[in-house]
Amino acid sequence: MTEFWQHFPAQFHQRSFSSGDRTSLREWQAVVTQRITPQQIGQVRYRGTWWRAACMGGILEEGDVVYVVGRSGTTLWVEQTGS
């Protein structure tokens, strides 16, 4: 079975932000407004606006708080906060 993400260009997989760039983790937090799975792009509210969002693993449900770890065009890469 072909991985879902293999259909996207390589730059889609790259993360733009490193943990060293984070001056305050709260600045990188977003709230999931539409379910996100590794196979389905969803939506988050980040800094007062809505963004398309993708994750590499896990299922993120509405209301989950996530960290923004990268961006590809108009899609943010997010990860669970662990809390």
PDB file of N, CA and C in Angstrom:
ATOM      1  N   MET A   1       0.841  -1.184   0.000  1.00  0.00           N
ATOM      2  CA  MET A   1       0.000   0.000   0.000  1.00  0.00           C
ATOM      3  C   MET A   1       0.886   1.247   0.000  1.00  0.00           C
ATOM      4  N   THR A   2       0.571   2.182  -0.851  1.00  0.00           N
ATOM      5  CA  THR A   2       1.332   3.428  -0.959  1.00  0.00           C
ATOM      6  C   THR A   2       0.949   4.368   0.176  1.00  0.00           C
ATOM      7  N   GLU A   3       1.974   4.948   0.796  1.00  0.00           N
ATOM      8  CA  GLU A   3       1.734   5.927   1.860  1.00  0.00           C
ATOM      9  C   GLU A   3       1.033   7.151   1.293  1.00  0.00           C
ATOM     10  N   PHE A   4       0.074   7.671   2.031  1.00  0.00           N
ATOM     11  CA  PHE A   4      -0.683   8.853   1.622  1.00  0.00           C
ATOM     12  C   PHE A   4       0.237  10.017   1.281  1.00  0.00           C
ATOM     13  N   TRP A   5       1.250  10.263   2.129  1.00  0.00           N
ATOM     14  CA  TRP A   5       2.109  11.449   1.969  1.00  0.00           C
ATOM     15  C   TRP A   5       3.064  11.337   0.795  1.00  0.00           C
ATOM     16  N   GLN A   6       3.237  10.136   0.226  1.00  0.00           N
ATOM     17  CA  GLN A   6       4.131   9.989  -0.916  1.00  0.00           C
ATOM     18  C   GLN A   6       3.592  10.687  -2.156  1.00  0.00           C
ATOM     19  N   HIS A   7       2.323  11.041  -2.169  1.00  0.00           N
ATOM     20  CA  HIS A   7       1.722  11.715  -3.305  1.00  0.00           C
ATOM     21  C   HIS A   7       1.975  13.216  -3.303  1.00  0.00           C
ATOM     22  N   PHE A   8       2.589  13.735  -2.245  1.00  0.00           N
ATOM     23  CA  PHE A   8       2.867  15.163  -2.134  1.00  0.00           C
ATOM     24  C   PHE A   8       4.335  15.424  -2.444  1.00  0.00           C
ATOM     25  N   PRO A   9       4.667  16.617  -2.937  1.00  0.00           N
ATOM     26  CA  PRO A   9       6.073  16.952  -3.192  1.00  0.00           C
ATOM     27  C   PRO A   9       6.896  16.891  -1.912  1.00  0.00           C
ATOM     28  N   ALA A  10       8.184  16.660  -2.059  1.00  0.00           N
ATOM     29  CA  ALA A  10       9.072  16.510  -0.902  1.00  0.00           C
ATOM     30  C   ALA A  10       9.020  17.701   0.039  1.00  0.00           C
ATOM     31  N   GLN A  11       8.918  18.922  -0.496  1.00  0.00           N
ATOM     32  CA  GLN A  11       8.909  20.100   0.379  1.00  0.00           C
ATOM     33  C   GLN A  11       7.698  20.112   1.300  1.00  0.00           C
ATOM     34  N   PHE A  12       6.643  19.364   0.970  1.00  0.00           N
ATOM     35  CA  PHE A  12       5.464  19.306   1.830  1.00  0.00           C
ATOM     36  C   PHE A  12       5.794  18.648   3.162  1.00  0.00           C
ATOM     37  N   HIS A  13       6.794  17.758   3.145  1.00  0.00           N
ATOM     38  CA  HIS A  13       7.170  17.027   4.351  1.00  0.00           C
ATOM     39  C   HIS A  13       8.125  17.822   5.239  1.00  0.00           C
ATOM     40  N   GLN A  14       8.759  18.849   4.706  1.00  0.00           N
ATOM     41  CA  GLN A  14       9.765  19.579   5.471  1.00  0.00           C
ATOM     42  C   GLN A  14       9.115  20.467   6.516  1.00  0.00           C
ATOM     43  N   ARG A  15       9.750  20.535   7.659  1.00  0.00           N
ATOM     44  CA  ARG A  15       9.268  21.398   8.727  1.00  0.00           C
ATOM     45  C   ARG A  15      10.104  22.661   8.736  1.00  0.00           C
ATOM     46  N   SER A  16       9.449  23.794   8.845  1.00  0.00           N
ATOM     47  CA  SER A  16      10.130  25.068   8.739  1.00  0.00           C
ATOM     48  C   SER A  16      10.692  25.586  10.052  1.00  0.00           C
ATOM     49  N   PHE A  17      10.159  25.132  11.175  1.00  0.00           N
ATOM     50  CA  PHE A  17      10.561  25.668  12.465  1.00  0.00           C
ATOM     51  C   PHE A  17      11.325  24.609  13.249  1.00  0.00           C
ATOM     52  N   SER A  18      12.400  25.004  13.888  1.00  0.00           N
ATOM     53  CA  SER A  18      13.100  24.081  14.780  1.00  0.00           C
ATOM     54  C   SER A  18      12.761  24.452  16.213  1.00  0.00           C
ATOM     55  N   SER A  19      12.945  23.508  17.122  1.00  0.00           N
ATOM     56  CA  SER A  19      12.617  23.783  18.524  1.00  0.00           C
ATOM     57  C   SER A  19      13.460  24.921  19.077  1.00  0.00           C
ATOM     58  N   GLY A  20      14.633  25.157  18.517  1.00  0.00           N
ATOM     59  CA  GLY A  20      15.467  26.262  18.955  1.00  0.00           C
ATOM     60  C   GLY A  20      14.879  27.619  18.620  1.00  0.00           C
ATOM     61  N   ASP A  21      13.962  27.662  17.657  1.00  0.00           N
ATOM     62  CA  ASP A  21      13.317  28.917  17.262  1.00  0.00           C
ATOM     63  C   ASP A  21      12.193  29.315  18.207  1.00  0.00           C
ATOM     64  N   ARG A  22      11.759  28.409  19.040  1.00  0.00           N
ATOM     65  CA  ARG A  22      10.599  28.672  19.906  1.00  0.00           C
ATOM     66  C   ARG A  22      11.019  29.475  21.133  1.00  0.00           C
ATOM     67  N   THR A  23      10.680  30.737  21.167  1.00  0.00           N
ATOM     68  CA  THR A  23      10.998  31.555  22.333  1.00  0.00           C
ATOM     69  C   THR A  23       9.971  31.309  23.429  1.00  0.00           C
ATOM     70  N   SER A  24       8.753  31.051  23.072  1.00  0.00           N
ATOM     71  CA  SER A  24       7.698  30.736  24.022  1.00  0.00           C
ATOM     72  C   SER A  24       6.787  29.707  23.377  1.00  0.00           C
ATOM     73  N   LEU A  25       6.663  28.544  23.992  1.00  0.00           N
ATOM     74  CA  LEU A  25       5.841  27.492  23.398  1.00  0.00           C
ATOM     75  C   LEU A  25       4.400  27.933  23.202  1.00  0.00           C
ATOM     76  N   ARG A  26       3.893  28.808  24.068  1.00  0.00           N
ATOM     77  CA  ARG A  26       2.516  29.275  23.937  1.00  0.00           C
ATOM     78  C   ARG A  26       2.301  29.975  22.587  1.00  0.00           C
ATOM     79  N   GLU A  27       3.330  30.649  22.081  1.00  0.00           N
ATOM     80  CA  GLU A  27       3.218  31.324  20.789  1.00  0.00           C
ATOM     81  C   GLU A  27       2.962  30.351  19.655  1.00  0.00           C
ATOM     82  N   TRP A  28       3.335  29.099  19.827  1.00  0.00           N
ATOM     83  CA  TRP A  28       3.215  28.099  18.765  1.00  0.00           C
ATOM     84  C   TRP A  28       1.992  27.209  18.946  1.00  0.00           C
ATOM     85  N   GLN A  29       1.129  27.515  19.925  1.00  0.00           N
ATOM     86  CA  GLN A  29      -0.041  26.684  20.167  1.00  0.00           C
ATOM     87  C   GLN A  29      -1.204  27.067  19.257  1.00  0.00           C
ATOM     88  N   ALA A  30      -1.953  26.038  18.853  1.00  0.00           N
ATOM     89  CA  ALA A  30      -3.158  26.225  18.047  1.00  0.00           C
ATOM     90  C   ALA A  30      -4.220  25.275  18.604  1.00  0.00           C
ATOM     91  N   VAL A  31      -5.472  25.493  18.220  1.00  0.00           N
ATOM     92  CA  VAL A  31      -6.573  24.634  18.650  1.00  0.00           C
ATOM     93  C   VAL A  31      -7.191  23.988  17.411  1.00  0.00           C
ATOM     94  N   VAL A  32      -7.363  22.677  17.459  1.00  0.00           N
ATOM     95  CA  VAL A  32      -7.957  21.947  16.341  1.00  0.00           C
ATOM     96  C   VAL A  32      -9.441  22.307  16.235  1.00  0.00           C
ATOM     97  N   THR A  33      -9.870  22.712  15.040  1.00  0.00           N
ATOM     98  CA  THR A  33     -11.278  23.050  14.811  1.00  0.00           C
ATOM     99  C   THR A  33     -11.945  22.061  13.860  1.00  0.00           C
ATOM    100  N   GLN A  34     -11.144  21.212  13.219  1.00  0.00           N
ATOM    101  CA  GLN A  34     -11.659  20.158  12.352  1.00  0.00           C
ATOM    102  C   GLN A  34     -10.688  18.985  12.445  1.00  0.00           C
ATOM    103  N   ARG A  35     -11.207  17.799  12.696  1.00  0.00           N
ATOM    104  CA  ARG A  35     -10.410  16.584  12.926  1.00  0.00           C
ATOM    105  C   ARG A  35      -9.269  16.451  11.908  1.00  0.00           C
ATOM    106  N   ILE A  36      -8.083  16.040  12.432  1.00  0.00           N
ATOM    107  CA  ILE A  36      -6.895  15.853  11.602  1.00  0.00           C
ATOM    108  C   ILE A  36      -6.392  14.423  11.818  1.00  0.00           C
ATOM    109  N   THR A  37      -6.100  13.711  10.736  1.00  0.00           N
ATOM    110  CA  THR A  37      -5.478  12.388  10.806  1.00  0.00           C
ATOM    111  C   THR A  37      -4.285  12.390   9.855  1.00  0.00           C
ATOM    112  N   PRO A  38      -3.410  11.375   9.948  1.00  0.00           N
ATOM    113  CA  PRO A  38      -2.287  11.325   9.009  1.00  0.00           C
ATOM    114  C   PRO A  38      -2.737  11.221   7.546  1.00  0.00           C
ATOM    115  N   GLN A  39      -3.952  10.768   7.303  1.00  0.00           N
ATOM    116  CA  GLN A  39      -4.463  10.640   5.938  1.00  0.00           C
ATOM    117  C   GLN A  39      -5.400  11.767   5.521  1.00  0.00           C
ATOM    118  N   GLN A  40      -5.736  12.667   6.455  1.00  0.00           N
ATOM    119  CA  GLN A  40      -6.723  13.700   6.147  1.00  0.00           C
ATOM    120  C   GLN A  40      -6.310  15.044   6.739  1.00  0.00           C
ATOM    121  N   ILE A  41      -6.249  16.047   5.894  1.00  0.00           N
ATOM    122  CA  ILE A  41      -5.941  17.403   6.350  1.00  0.00           C
ATOM    123  C   ILE A  41      -7.175  17.957   7.048  1.00  0.00           C
ATOM    124  N   GLY A  42      -6.952  18.632   8.171  1.00  0.00           N
ATOM    125  CA  GLY A  42      -8.043  19.241   8.917  1.00  0.00           C
ATOM    126  C   GLY A  42      -7.843  20.738   9.025  1.00  0.00           C
ATOM    127  N   GLN A  43      -8.244  21.290  10.169  1.00  0.00           N
ATOM    128  CA  GLN A  43      -8.171  22.740  10.334  1.00  0.00           C
ATOM    129  C   GLN A  43      -7.850  23.080  11.782  1.00  0.00           C
ATOM    130  N   VAL A  44      -7.071  24.168  11.965  1.00  0.00           N
ATOM    131  CA  VAL A  44      -6.775  24.687  13.301  1.00  0.00           C
ATOM    132  C   VAL A  44      -7.031  26.190  13.325  1.00  0.00           C
ATOM    133  N   ARG A  45      -7.210  26.710  14.542  1.00  0.00           N
ATOM    134  CA  ARG A  45      -7.270  28.157  14.747  1.00  0.00           C
ATOM    135  C   ARG A  45      -5.935  28.539  15.377  1.00  0.00           C
ATOM    136  N   TYR A  46      -5.194  29.398  14.680  1.00  0.00           N
ATOM    137  CA  TYR A  46      -3.848  29.785  15.096  1.00  0.00           C
ATOM    138  C   TYR A  46      -3.706  31.294  14.971  1.00  0.00           C
ATOM    139  N   ARG A  47      -3.398  31.941  16.087  1.00  0.00           N
ATOM    140  CA  ARG A  47      -3.224  33.396  16.134  1.00  0.00           C
ATOM    141  C   ARG A  47      -4.408  34.144  15.532  1.00  0.00           C
ATOM    142  N   GLY A  48      -5.610  33.688  15.854  1.00  0.00           N
ATOM    143  CA  GLY A  48      -6.819  34.397  15.457  1.00  0.00           C
ATOM    144  C   GLY A  48      -7.345  34.094  14.067  1.00  0.00           C
ATOM    145  N   THR A  49      -6.689  33.197  13.336  1.00  0.00           N
ATOM    146  CA  THR A  49      -7.166  32.843  12.000  1.00  0.00           C
ATOM    147  C   THR A  49      -7.221  31.326  11.843  1.00  0.00           C
ATOM    148  N   TRP A  50      -7.987  30.876  10.846  1.00  0.00           N
ATOM    149  CA  TRP A  50      -8.098  29.441  10.584  1.00  0.00           C
ATOM    150  C   TRP A  50      -7.098  29.047   9.515  1.00  0.00           C
ATOM    151  N   TRP A  51      -6.456  27.890   9.733  1.00  0.00           N
ATOM    152  CA  TRP A  51      -5.468  27.349   8.803  1.00  0.00           C
ATOM    153  C   TRP A  51      -5.788  25.885   8.512  1.00  0.00           C
ATOM    154  N   ARG A  52      -5.469  25.443   7.287  1.00  0.00           N
ATOM    155  CA  ARG A  52      -5.457  24.011   7.002  1.00  0.00           C
ATOM    156  C   ARG A  52      -4.317  23.436   7.819  1.00  0.00           C
ATOM    157  N   ALA A  53      -4.465  22.198   8.291  1.00  0.00           N
ATOM    158  CA  ALA A  53      -3.422  21.615   9.128  1.00  0.00           C
ATOM    159  C   ALA A  53      -3.266  20.126   8.847  1.00  0.00           C
ATOM    160  N   ALA A  54      -2.031  19.659   8.981  1.00  0.00           N
ATOM    161  CA  ALA A  54      -1.697  18.257   8.768  1.00  0.00           C
ATOM    162  C   ALA A  54      -0.831  17.771   9.920  1.00  0.00           C
ATOM    163  N   CYS A  55      -0.862  16.455  10.158  1.00  0.00           N
ATOM    164  CA  CYS A  55       0.003  15.848  11.171  1.00  0.00           C
ATOM    165  C   CYS A  55       0.570  14.552  10.603  1.00  0.00           C
ATOM    166  N   MET A  56       1.692  14.121  11.142  1.00  0.00           N
ATOM    167  CA  MET A  56       2.338  12.901  10.660  1.00  0.00           C
ATOM    168  C   MET A  56       1.853  11.660  11.399  1.00  0.00           C
ATOM    169  N   GLY A  57       1.327  11.821  12.595  1.00  0.00           N
ATOM    170  CA  GLY A  57       0.891  10.648  13.351  1.00  0.00           C
ATOM    171  C   GLY A  57      -0.185  11.001  14.344  1.00  0.00           C
ATOM    172  N   GLY A  58      -0.996  10.019  14.683  1.00  0.00           N
ATOM    173  CA  GLY A  58      -2.055  10.241  15.658  1.00  0.00           C
ATOM    174  C   GLY A  58      -3.285  10.878  15.043  1.00  0.00           C
ATOM    175  N   ILE A  59      -4.324  10.899  15.824  1.00  0.00           N
ATOM    176  CA  ILE A  59      -5.578  11.520  15.418  1.00  0.00           C
ATOM    177  C   ILE A  59      -5.819  12.698  16.346  1.00  0.00           C
ATOM    178  N   LEU A  60      -6.062  13.860  15.777  1.00  0.00           N
ATOM    179  CA  LEU A  60      -6.298  15.071  16.549  1.00  0.00           C
ATOM    180  C   LEU A  60      -7.760  15.452  16.396  1.00  0.00           C
ATOM    181  N   GLU A  61      -8.447  15.579  17.521  1.00  0.00           N
ATOM    182  CA  GLU A  61      -9.880  15.863  17.527  1.00  0.00           C
ATOM    183  C   GLU A  61     -10.138  17.343  17.789  1.00  0.00           C
ATOM    184  N   GLU A  62     -11.347  17.796  17.458  1.00  0.00           N
ATOM    185  CA  GLU A  62     -11.746  19.180  17.737  1.00  0.00           C
ATOM    186  C   GLU A  62     -11.510  19.505  19.200  1.00  0.00           C
ATOM    187  N   GLY A  63     -10.937  20.681  19.441  1.00  0.00           N
ATOM    188  CA  GLY A  63     -10.670  21.117  20.804  1.00  0.00           C
ATOM    189  C   GLY A  63      -9.290  20.763  21.322  1.00  0.00           C
ATOM    190  N   ASP A  64      -8.584  19.830  20.668  1.00  0.00           N
ATOM    191  CA  ASP A  64      -7.228  19.480  21.095  1.00  0.00           C
ATOM    192  C   ASP A  64      -6.307  20.674  20.912  1.00  0.00           C
ATOM    193  N   VAL A  65      -5.401  20.885  21.864  1.00  0.00           N
ATOM    194  CA  VAL A  65      -4.381  21.922  21.754  1.00  0.00           C
ATOM    195  C   VAL A  65      -3.145  21.273  21.146  1.00  0.00           C
ATOM    196  N   VAL A  66      -2.592  21.902  20.104  1.00  0.00           N
ATOM    197  CA  VAL A  66      -1.449  21.354  19.385  1.00  0.00           C
ATOM    198  C   VAL A  66      -0.362  22.417  19.242  1.00  0.00           C
ATOM    199  N   TYR A  67       0.857  21.974  18.912  1.00  0.00           N
ATOM    200  CA  TYR A  67       1.954  22.890  18.602  1.00  0.00           C
ATOM    201  C   TYR A  67       2.117  22.979  17.095  1.00  0.00           C
ATOM    202  N   VAL A  68       2.334  24.171  16.592  1.00  0.00           N
ATOM    203  CA  VAL A  68       2.672  24.361  15.185  1.00  0.00           C
ATOM    204  C   VAL A  68       4.173  24.125  15.061  1.00  0.00           C
ATOM    205  N   VAL A  69       4.559  23.163  14.212  1.00  0.00           N
ATOM    206  CA  VAL A  69       5.974  22.809  14.079  1.00  0.00           C
ATOM    207  C   VAL A  69       6.519  23.082  12.680  1.00  0.00           C
ATOM    208  N   GLY A  70       5.663  23.538  11.776  1.00  0.00           N
ATOM    209  CA  GLY A  70       6.129  23.838  10.427  1.00  0.00           C
ATOM    210  C   GLY A  70       5.001  24.349   9.557  1.00  0.00           C
ATOM    211  N   ARG A  71       5.365  24.720   8.337  1.00  0.00           N
ATOM    212  CA  ARG A  71       4.369  25.234   7.401  1.00  0.00           C
ATOM    213  C   ARG A  71       4.777  24.892   5.980  1.00  0.00           C
ATOM    214  N   SER A  72       3.798  24.574   5.169  1.00  0.00           N
ATOM    215  CA  SER A  72       4.016  24.349   3.746  1.00  0.00           C
ATOM    216  C   SER A  72       2.912  25.086   3.009  1.00  0.00           C
ATOM    217  N   GLY A  73       3.231  26.227   2.430  1.00  0.00           N
ATOM    218  CA  GLY A  73       2.221  27.046   1.775  1.00  0.00           C
ATOM    219  C   GLY A  73       1.186  27.509   2.779  1.00  0.00           C
ATOM    220  N   THR A  74      -0.071  27.137   2.555  1.00  0.00           N
ATOM    221  CA  THR A  74      -1.151  27.527   3.472  1.00  0.00           C
ATOM    222  C   THR A  74      -1.538  26.410   4.428  1.00  0.00           C
ATOM    223  N   THR A  75      -0.695  25.396   4.543  1.00  0.00           N
ATOM    224  CA  THR A  75      -0.962  24.281   5.462  1.00  0.00           C
ATOM    225  C   THR A  75       0.071  24.273   6.574  1.00  0.00           C
ATOM    226  N   LEU A  76      -0.408  24.244   7.830  1.00  0.00           N
ATOM    227  CA  LEU A  76       0.487  24.154   8.981  1.00  0.00           C
ATOM    228  C   LEU A  76       0.692  22.694   9.355  1.00  0.00           C
ATOM    229  N   TRP A  77       1.908  22.364   9.795  1.00  0.00           N
ATOM    230  CA  TRP A  77       2.196  21.050  10.373  1.00  0.00           C
ATOM    231  C   TRP A  77       2.038  21.184  11.874  1.00  0.00           C
ATOM    232  N   VAL A  78       1.289  20.278  12.484  1.00  0.00           N
ATOM    233  CA  VAL A  78       1.055  20.350  13.922  1.00  0.00           C
ATOM    234  C   VAL A  78       1.368  19.020  14.584  1.00  0.00           C
ATOM    235  N   GLU A  79       1.652  19.085  15.902  1.00  0.00           N
ATOM    236  CA  GLU A  79       1.903  17.906  16.724  1.00  0.00           C
ATOM    237  C   GLU A  79       1.137  18.053  18.023  1.00  0.00           C
ATOM    238  N   GLN A  80       0.800  16.919  18.631  1.00  0.00           N
ATOM    239  CA  GLN A  80       0.106  16.945  19.919  1.00  0.00           C
ATOM    240  C   GLN A  80       1.001  17.583  20.972  1.00  0.00           C
ATOM    241  N   THR A  81       0.363  18.266  21.925  1.00  0.00           N
ATOM    242  CA  THR A  81       1.132  18.923  22.988  1.00  0.00           C
ATOM    243  C   THR A  81       1.588  17.931  24.047  1.00  0.00           C
ATOM    244  N   GLY A  82       0.943  16.789  24.120  1.00  0.00           N
ATOM    245  CA  GLY A  82       1.295  15.806  25.131  1.00  0.00           C
ATOM    246  C   GLY A  82       0.556  15.989  26.424  1.00  0.00           C
ATOM    247  N   SER A  83      -0.315  17.008  26.505  1.00  0.00           N
ATOM    248  CA  SER A  83      -1.077  17.227  27.744  1.00  0.00           C
ATOM    249  C   SER A  83      -2.506  16.808  27.568  1.00  0.00           C
TER     250      SER A  83
END
